[in-house]
Amino acid sequence: MAKHQVRVGRAGEQAAHFSPAVAIEARGVLVFISSMTARRADGSVAGVGDVEAQTRQVCENLKAALEAAGGMMKDVCRVDVYLRNMGDRERVNKVRREFFGSPPPASSVVEVARLASPEFLVEMSAIALVQGQA
């Protein structure tokens, strides 16, 4: 069974790209992805000072981790986003829409004082259920 968005009438409509809840049959492999940053494979930081470019690199890093585990971005059920500036949320959501289709994953967005490096503007961790594996 594919994942599906659970609508919660009393929670109201979402202003951002997330589902209030995601239901999924638990057959397959759960993949827990540690917080990813905008660090490229060569160790450099993508998009210094540009939250959209950093979000795009973060999503590419999540995608690479999922593919290494045999999954795809559509398998993501939950994403936690850590932002240096909550004012960047809409620009981050713009990029998230490119990577996470519909239904979007359940999600949290939190503003933090610092991340692992002062160059980082955004980090994301994720949980995915890769189906078709045992």
Protein backbone atom coordinates (compact mmCIF):
# COMPACT_ATOMS: atom_id res chain seq x y z
CA MET A 1 0.00 0.00 0.00
CA ALA A 2 1.34 3.43 -0.88
CA LYS A 3 1.60 6.20 1.66
CA HIS A 4 -1.30 8.57 1.85
CA GLN A 5 -1.99 11.91 3.43
CA VAL A 6 -4.30 11.95 6.43
CA ARG A 7 -6.49 15.05 6.49
CA VAL A 8 -7.26 16.46 9.92
CA GLY A 9 -10.31 18.71 9.59
CA ARG A 10 -9.95 20.48 12.91
CA ALA A 11 -6.26 21.23 12.26
CA GLY A 12 -7.08 23.58 9.37
CA GLU A 13 -5.34 23.90 6.04
CA GLN A 14 -1.56 23.87 5.87
CA ALA A 15 0.25 27.03 4.85
CA ALA A 16 3.42 25.15 3.93
CA HIS A 17 4.35 22.01 1.98
CA PHE A 18 3.67 19.25 4.53
CA SER A 19 1.03 16.74 5.56
CA PRO A 20 -0.47 16.90 9.05
CA ALA A 21 -0.13 13.11 9.13
CA VAL A 22 1.00 10.40 6.74
CA ALA A 23 -0.30 6.84 6.96
CA ILE A 24 1.64 3.99 5.42
CA GLU A 25 1.54 0.24 5.62
CA ALA A 26 4.73 -0.82 7.38
CA ARG A 27 6.15 -3.36 4.96
CA GLY A 28 9.63 -2.71 3.78
CA VAL A 29 12.70 -1.11 5.28
CA LEU A 30 12.64 1.95 7.50
CA VAL A 31 15.47 4.33 6.64
CA PHE A 32 16.45 6.95 9.22
CA ILE A 33 18.55 9.68 7.61
CA SER A 34 20.69 11.84 9.86
CA SER A 35 20.58 15.58 9.48
CA MET A 36 21.97 16.56 6.10
CA THR A 37 23.64 19.86 5.32
CA ALA A 38 24.63 21.69 2.15
CA ARG A 39 28.04 20.03 2.11
CA ARG A 40 29.01 18.71 -1.32
CA ALA A 41 30.83 15.41 -1.89
CA ASP A 42 34.14 17.29 -2.18
CA GLY A 43 33.62 18.82 1.29
CA SER A 44 32.81 22.35 0.12
CA VAL A 45 29.59 24.08 1.15
CA ALA A 46 27.05 24.82 -1.59
CA GLY A 47 25.26 28.14 -1.70
CA VAL A 48 26.99 30.02 1.10
CA GLY A 49 24.55 32.80 2.00
CA ASP A 50 21.79 31.40 -0.32
CA VAL A 51 19.15 29.36 1.52
CA GLU A 52 17.52 28.09 -1.72
CA ALA A 53 20.83 26.78 -3.08
CA GLN A 54 21.62 25.19 0.27
CA THR A 55 18.17 23.59 0.49
CA ARG A 56 18.62 22.17 -2.99
CA GLN A 57 21.98 20.62 -1.96
CA VAL A 58 20.47 19.30 1.28
CA CYS A 59 17.67 17.64 -0.72
CA GLU A 60 20.20 16.18 -3.17
CA ASN A 61 22.11 14.75 -0.19
CA LEU A 62 18.91 13.24 1.23
CA LYS A 63 18.17 11.79 -2.20
CA ALA A 64 21.66 10.25 -2.41
CA ALA A 65 21.26 8.65 1.03
CA LEU A 66 17.87 7.24 0.05
CA GLU A 67 19.16 5.87 -3.22
CA ALA A 68 22.07 4.21 -1.38
CA ALA A 69 19.44 2.50 0.80
CA GLY A 70 17.43 1.42 -2.26
CA GLY A 71 14.78 4.13 -2.00
CA MET A 72 13.52 7.29 -3.65
CA MET A 73 12.32 10.68 -2.43
CA LYS A 74 8.69 9.52 -2.71
CA ASP A 75 9.45 7.05 0.11
CA VAL A 76 10.03 9.84 2.63
CA CYS A 77 7.33 9.90 5.32
CA ARG A 78 8.77 12.55 7.64
CA VAL A 79 11.20 15.47 7.35
CA ASP A 80 12.56 17.65 10.12
CA VAL A 81 13.89 21.03 8.95
CA TYR A 82 16.22 23.19 11.00
CA LEU A 83 16.52 26.82 9.88
CA ARG A 84 18.82 29.58 11.06
CA ASN A 85 16.09 32.08 10.13
CA MET A 86 12.39 31.22 10.12
CA GLY A 87 11.94 34.04 7.61
CA ASP A 88 13.53 31.70 5.03
CA ARG A 89 10.70 29.16 5.37
CA GLU A 90 8.91 30.05 2.13
CA ARG A 91 12.12 29.86 0.07
CA VAL A 92 12.90 26.49 1.65
CA ASN A 93 9.36 25.25 0.93
CA LYS A 94 9.71 26.36 -2.70
CA VAL A 95 12.67 23.99 -3.11
CA ARG A 96 11.05 21.24 -1.05
CA ARG A 97 8.14 21.19 -3.51
CA GLU A 98 10.64 20.33 -6.26
CA PHE A 99 11.87 17.26 -4.38
CA PHE A 100 8.87 16.06 -2.38
CA GLY A 101 5.81 15.47 -4.50
CA SER A 102 2.30 14.82 -3.34
CA PRO A 103 1.41 13.82 -0.77
CA PRO A 104 4.15 15.73 0.99
CA PRO A 105 5.77 14.14 4.04
CA ALA A 106 4.80 14.95 7.61
CA SER A 107 7.14 17.68 8.72
CA SER A 108 8.49 19.95 11.43
CA VAL A 109 10.28 23.25 10.86
CA VAL A 110 12.29 24.71 13.72
CA GLU A 111 14.40 27.84 13.95
CA VAL A 112 17.72 27.22 15.68
CA ALA A 113 20.41 29.56 16.94
CA ARG A 114 23.27 27.61 15.37
CA LEU A 115 23.91 24.67 13.08
CA ALA A 116 27.05 22.52 12.70
CA SER A 117 28.86 25.28 10.79
CA PRO A 118 28.21 29.03 10.65
CA GLU A 119 27.97 28.66 6.84
CA PHE A 120 24.91 26.39 7.09
CA LEU A 121 21.48 28.02 6.83
CA VAL A 122 19.41 24.82 6.75
CA GLU A 123 19.66 21.16 7.76
CA MET A 124 17.15 18.34 7.26
CA SER A 125 16.73 14.84 8.63
CA ALA A 126 14.24 12.32 7.26
CA ILE A 127 12.52 9.00 7.80
CA ALA A 128 11.53 6.88 4.82
CA LEU A 129 9.83 3.55 4.28
CA VAL A 130 11.38 1.79 1.31
CA GLN A 131 8.78 -0.69 0.16
CA GLY A 132 9.43 -3.87 -1.72
CA GLN A 133 12.33 -4.86 0.52
CA ALA A 134 12.33 -7.23 3.45
